[in-house]
PDB file of all heavy atoms in Angstrom:
ATOM      1  N   ALA A   1       0.801  -1.229   0.000  1.00  0.00           N
ATOM      2  CA  ALA A   1       0.000   0.000   0.000  1.00  0.00           C
ATOM      3  C   ALA A   1       0.830   1.275   0.000  1.00  0.00           C
ATOM      4  O   ALA A   1       0.465   2.256  -0.646  1.00  0.00           O
ATOM      5  CB  ALA A   1      -0.962   0.013   1.187  1.00  0.00           C
ATOM      6  N   VAL A   2       1.937   1.290   0.711  1.00  0.00           N
ATOM      7  CA  VAL A   2       2.739   2.513   0.776  1.00  0.00           C
ATOM      8  C   VAL A   2       3.819   2.578  -0.295  1.00  0.00           C
ATOM      9  O   VAL A   2       4.370   3.646  -0.549  1.00  0.00           O
ATOM     10  CB  VAL A   2       3.376   2.726   2.174  1.00  0.00           C
ATOM     11  CG1 VAL A   2       2.308   2.907   3.233  1.00  0.00           C
ATOM     12  CG2 VAL A   2       4.302   1.582   2.536  1.00  0.00           C
ATOM     13  N   SER A   3       4.108   1.451  -0.951  1.00  0.00           N
ATOM     14  CA  SER A   3       5.176   1.466  -1.951  1.00  0.00           C
ATOM     15  C   SER A   3       4.685   1.383  -3.389  1.00  0.00           C
ATOM     16  O   SER A   3       5.458   1.621  -4.312  1.00  0.00           O
ATOM     17  CB  SER A   3       6.167   0.329  -1.686  1.00  0.00           C
ATOM     18  OG  SER A   3       5.526  -0.922  -1.793  1.00  0.00           O
ATOM     19  N   SER A   4       3.415   1.053  -3.590  1.00  0.00           N
ATOM     20  CA  SER A   4       2.897   0.927  -4.951  1.00  0.00           C
ATOM     21  C   SER A   4       1.490   1.487  -5.049  1.00  0.00           C
ATOM     22  O   SER A   4       0.522   0.833  -4.653  1.00  0.00           O
ATOM     23  CB  SER A   4       2.895  -0.538  -5.399  1.00  0.00           C
ATOM     24  OG  SER A   4       2.248  -0.657  -6.658  1.00  0.00           O
ATOM     25  N   ASP A   5       1.399   2.685  -5.601  1.00  0.00           N
ATOM     26  CA  ASP A   5       0.074   3.268  -5.829  1.00  0.00           C
ATOM     27  C   ASP A   5      -0.741   2.395  -6.781  1.00  0.00           C
ATOM     28  O   ASP A   5      -1.950   2.261  -6.629  1.00  0.00           O
ATOM     29  CB  ASP A   5       0.190   4.678  -6.402  1.00  0.00           C
ATOM     30  CG  ASP A   5       0.679   5.691  -5.388  1.00  0.00           C
ATOM     31  OD1 ASP A   5       0.578   5.420  -4.173  1.00  0.00           O
ATOM     32  OD2 ASP A   5       1.164   6.764  -5.812  1.00  0.00           O
ATOM     33  N   GLY A   6      -0.072   1.784  -7.756  1.00  0.00           N
ATOM     34  CA  GLY A   6      -0.779   0.946  -8.723  1.00  0.00           C
ATOM     35  C   GLY A   6      -1.451  -0.248  -8.083  1.00  0.00           C
ATOM     36  O   GLY A   6      -2.605  -0.561  -8.390  1.00  0.00           O
ATOM     37  N   VAL A   7      -0.739  -0.919  -7.192  1.00  0.00           N
ATOM     38  CA  VAL A   7      -1.333  -2.071  -6.502  1.00  0.00           C
ATOM     39  C   VAL A   7      -2.442  -1.606  -5.573  1.00  0.00           C
ATOM     40  O   VAL A   7      -3.528  -2.196  -5.545  1.00  0.00           O
ATOM     41  CB  VAL A   7      -0.259  -2.880  -5.735  1.00  0.00           C
ATOM     42  CG1 VAL A   7      -0.907  -3.899  -4.798  1.00  0.00           C
ATOM     43  CG2 VAL A   7       0.682  -3.576  -6.706  1.00  0.00           C
ATOM     44  N   ARG A   8      -2.187  -0.548  -4.835  1.00  0.00           N
ATOM     45  CA  ARG A   8      -3.210  -0.024  -3.912  1.00  0.00           C
ATOM     46  C   ARG A   8      -4.483   0.330  -4.678  1.00  0.00           C
ATOM     47  O   ARG A   8      -5.597  -0.022  -4.277  1.00  0.00           O
ATOM     48  CB  ARG A   8      -2.672   1.190  -3.165  1.00  0.00           C
ATOM     49  CG  ARG A   8      -3.623   1.751  -2.107  1.00  0.00           C
ATOM     50  CD  ARG A   8      -3.023   2.950  -1.370  1.00  0.00           C
ATOM     51  NE  ARG A   8      -2.350   3.904  -2.235  1.00  0.00           N
ATOM     52  CZ  ARG A   8      -2.981   4.780  -3.030  1.00  0.00           C
ATOM     53  NH1 ARG A   8      -4.290   4.826  -3.051  1.00  0.00           N
ATOM     54  NH2 ARG A   8      -2.285   5.606  -3.781  1.00  0.00           N
ATOM     55  N   GLU A   9      -4.330   1.002  -5.809  1.00  0.00           N
ATOM     56  CA  GLU A   9      -5.496   1.379  -6.622  1.00  0.00           C
ATOM     57  C   GLU A   9      -6.206   0.160  -7.191  1.00  0.00           C
ATOM     58  O   GLU A   9      -7.445   0.120  -7.240  1.00  0.00           O
ATOM     59  CB  GLU A   9      -5.057   2.330  -7.733  1.00  0.00           C
ATOM     60  CG  GLU A   9      -4.654   3.703  -7.218  1.00  0.00           C
ATOM     61  CD  GLU A   9      -3.907   4.550  -8.249  1.00  0.00           C
ATOM     62  OE1 GLU A   9      -3.787   4.118  -9.426  1.00  0.00           O
ATOM     63  OE2 GLU A   9      -3.430   5.635  -7.862  1.00  0.00           O
ATOM     64  N   ALA A  10      -5.450  -0.852  -7.615  1.00  0.00           N
ATOM     65  CA  ALA A  10      -6.072  -2.065  -8.152  1.00  0.00           C
ATOM     66  C   ALA A  10      -6.869  -2.802  -7.080  1.00  0.00           C
ATOM     67  O   ALA A  10      -7.970  -3.300  -7.346  1.00  0.00           O
ATOM     68  CB  ALA A  10      -4.992  -2.981  -8.744  1.00  0.00           C
ATOM     69  N   VAL A  11      -6.331  -2.854  -5.866  1.00  0.00           N
ATOM     70  CA  VAL A  11      -7.046  -3.512  -4.763  1.00  0.00           C
ATOM     71  C   VAL A  11      -8.308  -2.730  -4.421  1.00  0.00           C
ATOM     72  O   VAL A  11      -9.387  -3.310  -4.241  1.00  0.00           O
ATOM     73  CB  VAL A  11      -6.128  -3.680  -3.530  1.00  0.00           C
ATOM     74  CG1 VAL A  11      -6.922  -4.105  -2.302  1.00  0.00           C
ATOM     75  CG2 VAL A  11      -5.019  -4.683  -3.829  1.00  0.00           C
ATOM     76  N   ASN A  12      -8.201  -1.411  -4.359  1.00  0.00           N
ATOM     77  CA  ASN A  12      -9.391  -0.601  -4.073  1.00  0.00           C
ATOM     78  C   ASN A  12     -10.443  -0.748  -5.164  1.00  0.00           C
ATOM     79  O   ASN A  12     -11.645  -0.744  -4.881  1.00  0.00           O
ATOM     80  CB  ASN A  12      -9.006   0.862  -3.869  1.00  0.00           C
ATOM     81  CG  ASN A  12      -8.387   1.100  -2.509  1.00  0.00           C
ATOM     82  OD1 ASN A  12      -8.720   0.430  -1.542  1.00  0.00           O
ATOM     83  ND2 ASN A  12      -7.470   2.043  -2.427  1.00  0.00           N
ATOM     84  N   LYS A  13     -10.017  -0.884  -6.409  1.00  0.00           N
ATOM     85  CA  LYS A  13     -10.958  -1.119  -7.509  1.00  0.00           C
ATOM     86  C   LYS A  13     -11.695  -2.440  -7.294  1.00  0.00           C
ATOM     87  O   LYS A  13     -12.910  -2.520  -7.477  1.00  0.00           O
ATOM     88  CB  LYS A  13     -10.227  -1.134  -8.847  1.00  0.00           C
ATOM     89  CG  LYS A  13     -11.129  -1.462 -10.011  1.00  0.00           C
ATOM     90  CD  LYS A  13     -10.373  -1.580 -11.321  1.00  0.00           C
ATOM     91  CE  LYS A  13     -11.327  -2.042 -12.413  1.00  0.00           C
ATOM     92  NZ  LYS A  13     -10.628  -2.346 -13.661  1.00  0.00           N
ATOM     93  N   ALA A  14     -10.954  -3.478  -6.894  1.00  0.00           N
ATOM     94  CA  ALA A  14     -11.585  -4.777  -6.633  1.00  0.00           C
ATOM     95  C   ALA A  14     -12.624  -4.650  -5.523  1.00  0.00           C
ATOM     96  O   ALA A  14     -13.752  -5.140  -5.654  1.00  0.00           O
ATOM     97  CB  ALA A  14     -10.525  -5.818  -6.267  1.00  0.00           C
ATOM     98  N   PHE A  15     -12.249  -3.975  -4.443  1.00  0.00           N
ATOM     99  CA  PHE A  15     -13.206  -3.801  -3.343  1.00  0.00           C
ATOM    100  C   PHE A  15     -14.443  -3.041  -3.809  1.00  0.00           C
ATOM    101  O   PHE A  15     -15.564  -3.356  -3.403  1.00  0.00           O
ATOM    102  CB  PHE A  15     -12.553  -3.095  -2.163  1.00  0.00           C
ATOM    103  CG  PHE A  15     -11.526  -3.919  -1.434  1.00  0.00           C
ATOM    104  CD1 PHE A  15     -10.575  -3.303  -0.642  1.00  0.00           C
ATOM    105  CD2 PHE A  15     -11.497  -5.298  -1.522  1.00  0.00           C
ATOM    106  CE1 PHE A  15      -9.618  -4.039   0.042  1.00  0.00           C
ATOM    107  CE2 PHE A  15     -10.546  -6.060  -0.849  1.00  0.00           C
ATOM    108  CZ  PHE A  15      -9.605  -5.426  -0.069  1.00  0.00           C
ATOM    109  N   ALA A  16     -14.270  -2.044  -4.663  1.00  0.00           N
ATOM    110  CA  ALA A  16     -15.416  -1.276  -5.171  1.00  0.00           C
ATOM    111  C   ALA A  16     -16.351  -2.175  -5.987  1.00  0.00           C
ATOM    112  O   ALA A  16     -17.582  -2.049  -5.894  1.00  0.00           O
ATOM    113  CB  ALA A  16     -14.935  -0.096  -6.005  1.00  0.00           C
ATOM    114  N   VAL A  17     -15.785  -3.086  -6.773  1.00  0.00           N
ATOM    115  CA  VAL A  17     -16.617  -4.020  -7.534  1.00  0.00           C
ATOM    116  C   VAL A  17     -17.411  -4.908  -6.582  1.00  0.00           C
ATOM    117  O   VAL A  17     -18.623  -5.092  -6.738  1.00  0.00           O
ATOM    118  CB  VAL A  17     -15.754  -4.867  -8.497  1.00  0.00           C
ATOM    119  CG1 VAL A  17     -16.559  -6.022  -9.100  1.00  0.00           C
ATOM    120  CG2 VAL A  17     -15.174  -3.984  -9.604  1.00  0.00           C
ATOM    121  N   PHE A  18     -16.738  -5.451  -5.569  1.00  0.00           N
ATOM    122  CA  PHE A  18     -17.430  -6.317  -4.616  1.00  0.00           C
ATOM    123  C   PHE A  18     -18.511  -5.538  -3.862  1.00  0.00           C
ATOM    124  O   PHE A  18     -19.599  -6.055  -3.614  1.00  0.00           O
ATOM    125  CB  PHE A  18     -16.440  -6.936  -3.628  1.00  0.00           C
ATOM    126  CG  PHE A  18     -15.321  -7.713  -4.272  1.00  0.00           C
ATOM    127  CD1 PHE A  18     -14.096  -7.839  -3.636  1.00  0.00           C
ATOM    128  CD2 PHE A  18     -15.466  -8.318  -5.511  1.00  0.00           C
ATOM    129  CE1 PHE A  18     -13.057  -8.553  -4.205  1.00  0.00           C
ATOM    130  CE2 PHE A  18     -14.437  -9.036  -6.107  1.00  0.00           C
ATOM    131  CZ  PHE A  18     -13.220  -9.141  -5.452  1.00  0.00           C
ATOM    132  N   GLU A  19     -18.209  -4.301  -3.510  1.00  0.00           N
ATOM    133  CA  GLU A  19     -19.185  -3.478  -2.802  1.00  0.00           C
ATOM    134  C   GLU A  19     -20.437  -3.243  -3.640  1.00  0.00           C
ATOM    135  O   GLU A  19     -21.538  -3.111  -3.099  1.00  0.00           O
ATOM    136  CB  GLU A  19     -18.558  -2.153  -2.372  1.00  0.00           C
ATOM    137  CG  GLU A  19     -17.597  -2.314  -1.212  1.00  0.00           C
ATOM    138  CD  GLU A  19     -16.835  -1.050  -0.862  1.00  0.00           C
ATOM    139  OE1 GLU A  19     -17.257   0.054  -1.277  1.00  0.00           O
ATOM    140  OE2 GLU A  19     -15.803  -1.160  -0.156  1.00  0.00           O
ATOM    141  N   GLY A  20     -20.299  -3.223  -4.953  1.00  0.00           N
ATOM    142  CA  GLY A  20     -21.470  -3.101  -5.815  1.00  0.00           C
ATOM    143  C   GLY A  20     -22.435  -4.260  -5.618  1.00  0.00           C
ATOM    144  O   GLY A  20     -23.662  -4.068  -5.593  1.00  0.00           O
ATOM    145  N   TYR A  21     -21.905  -5.446  -5.461  1.00  0.00           N
ATOM    146  CA  TYR A  21     -22.763  -6.615  -5.205  1.00  0.00           C
ATOM    147  C   TYR A  21     -23.392  -6.529  -3.819  1.00  0.00           C
ATOM    148  O   TYR A  21     -24.580  -6.824  -3.646  1.00  0.00           O
ATOM    149  CB  TYR A  21     -21.958  -7.914  -5.347  1.00  0.00           C
ATOM    150  CG  TYR A  21     -21.616  -8.221  -6.785  1.00  0.00           C
ATOM    151  CD1 TYR A  21     -20.406  -7.803  -7.331  1.00  0.00           C
ATOM    152  CD2 TYR A  21     -22.504  -8.921  -7.605  1.00  0.00           C
ATOM    153  CE1 TYR A  21     -20.085  -8.076  -8.653  1.00  0.00           C
ATOM    154  CE2 TYR A  21     -22.200  -9.197  -8.924  1.00  0.00           C
ATOM    155  CZ  TYR A  21     -20.982  -8.769  -9.443  1.00  0.00           C
ATOM    156  OH  TYR A  21     -20.686  -9.045 -10.759  1.00  0.00           O
ATOM    157  N   TYR A  22     -22.597  -6.138  -2.843  1.00  0.00           N
ATOM    158  CA  TYR A  22     -23.157  -5.985  -1.490  1.00  0.00           C
ATOM    159  C   TYR A  22     -24.238  -4.914  -1.466  1.00  0.00           C
ATOM    160  O   TYR A  22     -25.249  -5.054  -0.763  1.00  0.00           O
ATOM    161  CB  TYR A  22     -22.056  -5.655  -0.484  1.00  0.00           C
ATOM    162  CG  TYR A  22     -21.107  -6.791  -0.201  1.00  0.00           C
ATOM    163  CD1 TYR A  22     -19.728  -6.613  -0.306  1.00  0.00           C
ATOM    164  CD2 TYR A  22     -21.566  -8.053   0.183  1.00  0.00           C
ATOM    165  CE1 TYR A  22     -18.835  -7.650  -0.039  1.00  0.00           C
ATOM    166  CE2 TYR A  22     -20.680  -9.093   0.446  1.00  0.00           C
ATOM    167  CZ  TYR A  22     -19.324  -8.884   0.337  1.00  0.00           C
ATOM    168  OH  TYR A  22     -18.444  -9.907   0.602  1.00  0.00           O
ATOM    169  N   ALA A  23     -24.066  -3.843  -2.230  1.00  0.00           N
ATOM    170  CA  ALA A  23     -25.084  -2.780  -2.283  1.00  0.00           C
ATOM    171  C   ALA A  23     -26.395  -3.329  -2.839  1.00  0.00           C
ATOM    172  O   ALA A  23     -27.477  -2.974  -2.342  1.00  0.00           O
ATOM    173  CB  ALA A  23     -24.584  -1.608  -3.123  1.00  0.00           C
ATOM    174  N   ARG A  24     -26.317  -4.204  -3.823  1.00  0.00           N
ATOM    175  CA  ARG A  24     -27.543  -4.803  -4.365  1.00  0.00           C
ATOM    176  C   ARG A  24     -28.237  -5.661  -3.314  1.00  0.00           C
ATOM    177  O   ARG A  24     -29.470  -5.659  -3.212  1.00  0.00           O
ATOM    178  CB  ARG A  24     -27.222  -5.625  -5.609  1.00  0.00           C
ATOM    179  CG  ARG A  24     -26.918  -4.745  -6.811  1.00  0.00           C
ATOM    180  CD  ARG A  24     -26.525  -5.512  -8.048  1.00  0.00           C
ATOM    181  NE  ARG A  24     -27.464  -6.555  -8.417  1.00  0.00           N
ATOM    182  CZ  ARG A  24     -27.156  -7.539  -9.265  1.00  0.00           C
ATOM    183  NH1 ARG A  24     -25.959  -7.610  -9.801  1.00  0.00           N
ATOM    184  NH2 ARG A  24     -28.053  -8.449  -9.561  1.00  0.00           N
ATOM    185  N   ILE A  25     -27.451  -6.375  -2.518  1.00  0.00           N
ATOM    186  CA  ILE A  25     -28.032  -7.171  -1.435  1.00  0.00           C
ATOM    187  C   ILE A  25     -28.740  -6.257  -0.447  1.00  0.00           C
ATOM    188  O   ILE A  25     -29.882  -6.517  -0.039  1.00  0.00           O
ATOM    189  CB  ILE A  25     -26.935  -8.016  -0.736  1.00  0.00           C
ATOM    190  CG1 ILE A  25     -26.472  -9.141  -1.666  1.00  0.00           C
ATOM    191  CG2 ILE A  25     -27.424  -8.561   0.606  1.00  0.00           C
ATOM    192  CD1 ILE A  25     -25.252  -9.897  -1.188  1.00  0.00           C
ATOM    193  N   VAL A  26     -28.083  -5.178  -0.060  1.00  0.00           N
ATOM    194  CA  VAL A  26     -28.665  -4.225   0.890  1.00  0.00           C
ATOM    195  C   VAL A  26     -29.938  -3.603   0.318  1.00  0.00           C
ATOM    196  O   VAL A  26     -30.968  -3.507   1.013  1.00  0.00           O
ATOM    197  CB  VAL A  26     -27.635  -3.125   1.246  1.00  0.00           C
ATOM    198  CG1 VAL A  26     -28.293  -1.982   1.994  1.00  0.00           C
ATOM    199  CG2 VAL A  26     -26.483  -3.718   2.050  1.00  0.00           C
ATOM    200  N   GLU A  27     -29.895  -3.183  -0.926  1.00  0.00           N
ATOM    201  CA  GLU A  27     -31.074  -2.567  -1.552  1.00  0.00           C
ATOM    202  C   GLU A  27     -32.247  -3.541  -1.612  1.00  0.00           C
ATOM    203  O   GLU A  27     -33.399  -3.157  -1.355  1.00  0.00           O
ATOM    204  CB  GLU A  27     -30.711  -2.068  -2.953  1.00  0.00           C
ATOM    205  CG  GLU A  27     -29.780  -0.868  -2.936  1.00  0.00           C
ATOM    206  CD  GLU A  27     -29.062  -0.620  -4.250  1.00  0.00           C
ATOM    207  OE1 GLU A  27     -29.248  -1.408  -5.215  1.00  0.00           O
ATOM    208  OE2 GLU A  27     -28.293   0.364  -4.316  1.00  0.00           O
ATOM    209  N   ASP A  28     -31.958  -4.805  -1.932  1.00  0.00           N
ATOM    210  CA  ASP A  28     -33.028  -5.802  -1.986  1.00  0.00           C
ATOM    211  C   ASP A  28     -33.596  -6.085  -0.594  1.00  0.00           C
ATOM    212  O   ASP A  28     -34.807  -6.280  -0.437  1.00  0.00           O
ATOM    213  CB  ASP A  28     -32.525  -7.100  -2.624  1.00  0.00           C
ATOM    214  CG  ASP A  28     -32.253  -6.947  -4.119  1.00  0.00           C
ATOM    215  OD1 ASP A  28     -32.683  -5.930  -4.715  1.00  0.00           O
ATOM    216  OD2 ASP A  28     -31.600  -7.851  -4.692  1.00  0.00           O
ATOM    217  N   LEU A  29     -32.728  -6.102   0.413  1.00  0.00           N
ATOM    218  CA  LEU A  29     -33.226  -6.279   1.785  1.00  0.00           C
ATOM    219  C   LEU A  29     -34.076  -5.092   2.216  1.00  0.00           C
ATOM    220  O   LEU A  29     -35.108  -5.267   2.869  1.00  0.00           O
ATOM    221  CB  LEU A  29     -32.055  -6.461   2.755  1.00  0.00           C
ATOM    222  CG  LEU A  29     -31.406  -7.833   2.783  1.00  0.00           C
ATOM    223  CD1 LEU A  29     -30.161  -7.809   3.645  1.00  0.00           C
ATOM    224  CD2 LEU A  29     -32.389  -8.890   3.283  1.00  0.00           C
ATOM    225  N   ALA A  30     -33.640  -3.894   1.858  1.00  0.00           N
ATOM    226  CA  ALA A  30     -34.420  -2.698   2.199  1.00  0.00           C
ATOM    227  C   ALA A  30     -35.790  -2.752   1.527  1.00  0.00           C
ATOM    228  O   ALA A  30     -36.811  -2.452   2.159  1.00  0.00           O
ATOM    229  CB  ALA A  30     -33.659  -1.444   1.790  1.00  0.00           C
TER     230      ALA A  30
END
């Protein structure tokens, strides 16, 4: 995380994709 902005950004992108699925779960529960 502190030595490679590229890796940090790629990991955050992955988390954002996964969060999209979790958001759909939350919206459907709501």
